[in-house]
PDB file of N, CA and C in Angstrom:
ATOM      1  N   MET A   1     -16.221   5.368   0.922  1.00  0.00           N
ATOM      2  CA  MET A   1     -14.905   4.931   0.428  1.00  0.00           C
ATOM      3  C   MET A   1     -14.749   3.424   0.643  1.00  0.00           C
ATOM      4  N   ASN A   2     -14.140   2.779  -0.307  1.00  0.00           N
ATOM      5  CA  ASN A   2     -13.896   1.337  -0.229  1.00  0.00           C
ATOM      6  C   ASN A   2     -13.022   1.031   0.985  1.00  0.00           C
ATOM      7  N   PRO A   3     -13.466   0.129   1.879  1.00  0.00           N
ATOM      8  CA  PRO A   3     -12.676  -0.175   3.090  1.00  0.00           C
ATOM      9  C   PRO A   3     -11.252  -0.622   2.780  1.00  0.00           C
ATOM     10  N   SER A   4     -11.077  -1.451   1.757  1.00  0.00           N
ATOM     11  CA  SER A   4      -9.725  -1.919   1.423  1.00  0.00           C
ATOM     12  C   SER A   4      -8.873  -0.759   0.913  1.00  0.00           C
ATOM     13  N   LEU A   5      -9.494   0.186   0.211  1.00  0.00           N
ATOM     14  CA  LEU A   5      -8.763   1.355  -0.279  1.00  0.00           C
ATOM     15  C   LEU A   5      -8.363   2.240   0.902  1.00  0.00           C
ATOM     16  N   ASN A   6      -9.272   2.380   1.872  1.00  0.00           N
ATOM     17  CA  ASN A   6      -8.979   3.163   3.072  1.00  0.00           C
ATOM     18  C   ASN A   6      -7.799   2.542   3.819  1.00  0.00           C
ATOM     19  N   LEU A   7      -7.801   1.222   3.963  1.00  0.00           N
ATOM     20  CA  LEU A   7      -6.694   0.517   4.614  1.00  0.00           C
ATOM     21  C   LEU A   7      -5.402   0.762   3.845  1.00  0.00           C
ATOM     22  N   HIS A   8      -5.505   0.740   2.516  1.00  0.00           N
ATOM     23  CA  HIS A   8      -4.324   0.973   1.681  1.00  0.00           C
ATOM     24  C   HIS A   8      -3.750   2.363   1.927  1.00  0.00           C
ATOM     25  N   MET A   9      -4.600   3.370   2.068  1.00  0.00           N
ATOM     26  CA  MET A   9      -4.122   4.727   2.332  1.00  0.00           C
ATOM     27  C   MET A   9      -3.391   4.784   3.671  1.00  0.00           C
ATOM     28  N   GLU A  10      -3.896   4.049   4.675  1.00  0.00           N
ATOM     29  CA  GLU A  10      -3.219   4.001   5.972  1.00  0.00           C
ATOM     30  C   GLU A  10      -1.851   3.349   5.821  1.00  0.00           C
ATOM     31  N   LEU A  11      -1.770   2.294   5.008  1.00  0.00           N
ATOM     32  CA  LEU A  11      -0.484   1.632   4.773  1.00  0.00           C
ATOM     33  C   LEU A  11       0.493   2.605   4.115  1.00  0.00           C
ATOM     34  N   LEU A  12      -0.006   3.384   3.154  1.00  0.00           N
ATOM     35  CA  LEU A  12       0.860   4.356   2.483  1.00  0.00           C
ATOM     36  C   LEU A  12       1.392   5.386   3.472  1.00  0.00           C
ATOM     37  N   GLU A  13       0.545   5.814   4.411  1.00  0.00           N
ATOM     38  CA  GLU A  13       0.998   6.777   5.415  1.00  0.00           C
ATOM     39  C   GLU A  13       2.100   6.166   6.269  1.00  0.00           C
ATOM     40  N   ASP A  14       1.961   4.876   6.613  1.00  0.00           N
ATOM     41  CA  ASP A  14       3.003   4.193   7.386  1.00  0.00           C
ATOM     42  C   ASP A  14       4.299   4.137   6.587  1.00  0.00           C
ATOM     43  N   VAL A  15       4.185   3.862   5.293  1.00  0.00           N
ATOM     44  CA  VAL A  15       5.370   3.778   4.433  1.00  0.00           C
ATOM     45  C   VAL A  15       6.069   5.136   4.365  1.00  0.00           C
ATOM     46  N   SER A  16       5.282   6.219   4.394  1.00  0.00           N
ATOM     47  CA  SER A  16       5.847   7.564   4.290  1.00  0.00           C
ATOM     48  C   SER A  16       6.628   7.970   5.535  1.00  0.00           C
ATOM     49  N   ALA A  17       6.410   7.259   6.648  1.00  0.00           N
ATOM     50  CA  ALA A  17       7.107   7.595   7.890  1.00  0.00           C
ATOM     51  C   ALA A  17       8.610   7.449   7.686  1.00  0.00           C
ATOM     52  N   PRO A  18       9.385   8.304   8.357  1.00  0.00           N
ATOM     53  CA  PRO A  18      10.841   8.255   8.191  1.00  0.00           C
ATOM     54  C   PRO A  18      11.410   6.894   8.581  1.00  0.00           C
ATOM     55  N   GLY A  19      12.394   6.456   7.839  1.00  0.00           N
ATOM     56  CA  GLY A  19      13.038   5.176   8.125  1.00  0.00           C
ATOM     57  C   GLY A  19      14.296   5.066   7.298  1.00  0.00           C
ATOM     58  N   SER A  20      15.004   3.979   7.459  1.00  0.00           N
ATOM     59  CA  SER A  20      16.233   3.797   6.684  1.00  0.00           C
ATOM     60  C   SER A  20      15.887   3.519   5.226  1.00  0.00           C
ATOM     61  N   GLY A  21      16.861   3.643   4.340  1.00  0.00           N
ATOM     62  CA  GLY A  21      16.634   3.412   2.917  1.00  0.00           C
ATOM     63  C   GLY A  21      16.117   2.018   2.636  1.00  0.00           C
ATOM     64  N   LYS A  22      16.657   1.031   3.343  1.00  0.00           N
ATOM     65  CA  LYS A  22      16.223  -0.352   3.128  1.00  0.00           C
ATOM     66  C   LYS A  22      14.743  -0.496   3.482  1.00  0.00           C
ATOM     67  N   ASP A  23      14.343   0.083   4.610  1.00  0.00           N
ATOM     68  CA  ASP A  23      12.939   0.026   5.008  1.00  0.00           C
ATOM     69  C   ASP A  23      12.063   0.719   3.966  1.00  0.00           C
ATOM     70  N   PHE A  24      12.569   1.831   3.428  1.00  0.00           N
ATOM     71  CA  PHE A  24      11.796   2.566   2.426  1.00  0.00           C
ATOM     72  C   PHE A  24      11.578   1.709   1.184  1.00  0.00           C
ATOM     73  N   VAL A  25      12.640   1.048   0.717  1.00  0.00           N
ATOM     74  CA  VAL A  25      12.532   0.198  -0.476  1.00  0.00           C
ATOM     75  C   VAL A  25      11.552  -0.936  -0.217  1.00  0.00           C
ATOM     76  N   GLU A  26      11.648  -1.555   0.962  1.00  0.00           N
ATOM     77  CA  GLU A  26      10.709  -2.630   1.299  1.00  0.00           C
ATOM     78  C   GLU A  26       9.286  -2.080   1.363  1.00  0.00           C
ATOM     79  N   GLY A  27       9.141  -0.889   1.924  1.00  0.00           N
ATOM     80  CA  GLY A  27       7.823  -0.272   2.022  1.00  0.00           C
ATOM     81  C   GLY A  27       7.222  -0.002   0.654  1.00  0.00           C
ATOM     82  N   VAL A  28       8.057   0.476  -0.278  1.00  0.00           N
ATOM     83  CA  VAL A  28       7.578   0.726  -1.640  1.00  0.00           C
ATOM     84  C   VAL A  28       7.134  -0.585  -2.284  1.00  0.00           C
ATOM     85  N   ALA A  29       7.919  -1.642  -2.091  1.00  0.00           N
ATOM     86  CA  ALA A  29       7.572  -2.946  -2.667  1.00  0.00           C
ATOM     87  C   ALA A  29       6.238  -3.432  -2.101  1.00  0.00           C
ATOM     88  N   VAL A  30       6.063  -3.306  -0.789  1.00  0.00           N
ATOM     89  CA  VAL A  30       4.802  -3.711  -0.159  1.00  0.00           C
ATOM     90  C   VAL A  30       3.659  -2.833  -0.663  1.00  0.00           C
ATOM     91  N   GLY A  31       3.939  -1.534  -0.805  1.00  0.00           N
ATOM     92  CA  GLY A  31       2.921  -0.612  -1.295  1.00  0.00           C
ATOM     93  C   GLY A  31       2.461  -0.965  -2.699  1.00  0.00           C
ATOM     94  N   LEU A  32       3.412  -1.303  -3.569  1.00  0.00           N
ATOM     95  CA  LEU A  32       3.064  -1.696  -4.941  1.00  0.00           C
ATOM     96  C   LEU A  32       2.245  -2.982  -4.925  1.00  0.00           C
ATOM     97  N   GLY A  33       2.609  -3.905  -4.057  1.00  0.00           N
ATOM     98  CA  GLY A  33       1.844  -5.147  -3.921  1.00  0.00           C
ATOM     99  C   GLY A  33       0.422  -4.852  -3.471  1.00  0.00           C
ATOM    100  N   ALA A  34       0.283  -3.917  -2.524  1.00  0.00           N
ATOM    101  CA  ALA A  34      -1.045  -3.548  -2.031  1.00  0.00           C
ATOM    102  C   ALA A  34      -1.864  -2.900  -3.137  1.00  0.00           C
ATOM    103  N   VAL A  35      -1.232  -2.034  -3.930  1.00  0.00           N
ATOM    104  CA  VAL A  35      -1.927  -1.398  -5.059  1.00  0.00           C
ATOM    105  C   VAL A  35      -2.418  -2.464  -6.030  1.00  0.00           C
ATOM    106  N   ALA A  36      -1.559  -3.424  -6.347  1.00  0.00           N
ATOM    107  CA  ALA A  36      -1.933  -4.496  -7.271  1.00  0.00           C
ATOM    108  C   ALA A  36      -3.087  -5.313  -6.701  1.00  0.00           C
ATOM    109  N   ALA A  37      -3.032  -5.611  -5.406  1.00  0.00           N
ATOM    110  CA  ALA A  37      -4.089  -6.401  -4.768  1.00  0.00           C
ATOM    111  C   ALA A  37      -5.412  -5.645  -4.789  1.00  0.00           C
ATOM    112  N   VAL A  38      -5.381  -4.364  -4.421  1.00  0.00           N
ATOM    113  CA  VAL A  38      -6.608  -3.555  -4.418  1.00  0.00           C
ATOM    114  C   VAL A  38      -7.166  -3.438  -5.829  1.00  0.00           C
ATOM    115  N   THR A  39      -6.295  -3.226  -6.807  1.00  0.00           N
ATOM    116  CA  THR A  39      -6.734  -3.124  -8.203  1.00  0.00           C
ATOM    117  C   THR A  39      -7.398  -4.424  -8.646  1.00  0.00           C
ATOM    118  N   ALA A  40      -6.797  -5.549  -8.289  1.00  0.00           N
ATOM    119  CA  ALA A  40      -7.362  -6.852  -8.658  1.00  0.00           C
ATOM    120  C   ALA A  40      -8.717  -7.054  -7.991  1.00  0.00           C
ATOM    121  N   ILE A  41      -8.820  -6.686  -6.706  1.00  0.00           N
ATOM    122  CA  ILE A  41     -10.094  -6.838  -5.988  1.00  0.00           C
ATOM    123  C   ILE A  41     -11.178  -6.003  -6.660  1.00  0.00           C
ATOM    124  N   ILE A  42     -10.854  -4.754  -6.991  1.00  0.00           N
ATOM    125  CA  ILE A  42     -11.837  -3.869  -7.628  1.00  0.00           C
ATOM    126  C   ILE A  42     -12.199  -4.391  -9.020  1.00  0.00           C
ATOM    127  N   ALA A  43     -11.206  -4.873  -9.756  1.00  0.00           N
ATOM    128  CA  ALA A  43     -11.437  -5.328 -11.126  1.00  0.00           C
ATOM    129  C   ALA A  43     -12.337  -6.557 -11.178  1.00  0.00           C
ATOM    130  N   PHE A  44     -12.245  -7.426 -10.167  1.00  0.00           N
ATOM    131  CA  PHE A  44     -12.976  -8.696 -10.218  1.00  0.00           C
ATOM    132  C   PHE A  44     -14.222  -8.717  -9.353  1.00  0.00           C
ATOM    133  N   THR A  45     -14.667  -7.525  -8.894  1.00  0.00           N
ATOM    134  CA  THR A  45     -15.904  -7.489  -8.105  1.00  0.00           C
ATOM    135  C   THR A  45     -16.958  -6.672  -8.829  1.00  0.00           C
TER     136      THR A  45
END
């Protein structure tokens, strides 16, 4: 498994942890950014 993808899955698990709505929205935004970054890394390698 791609190490950056594995790290991304760990980040997603952290985002899934219970928290306030604001934290959840921020987590989703960070998660989308991570998805975009991983996609870009895979696309350009």
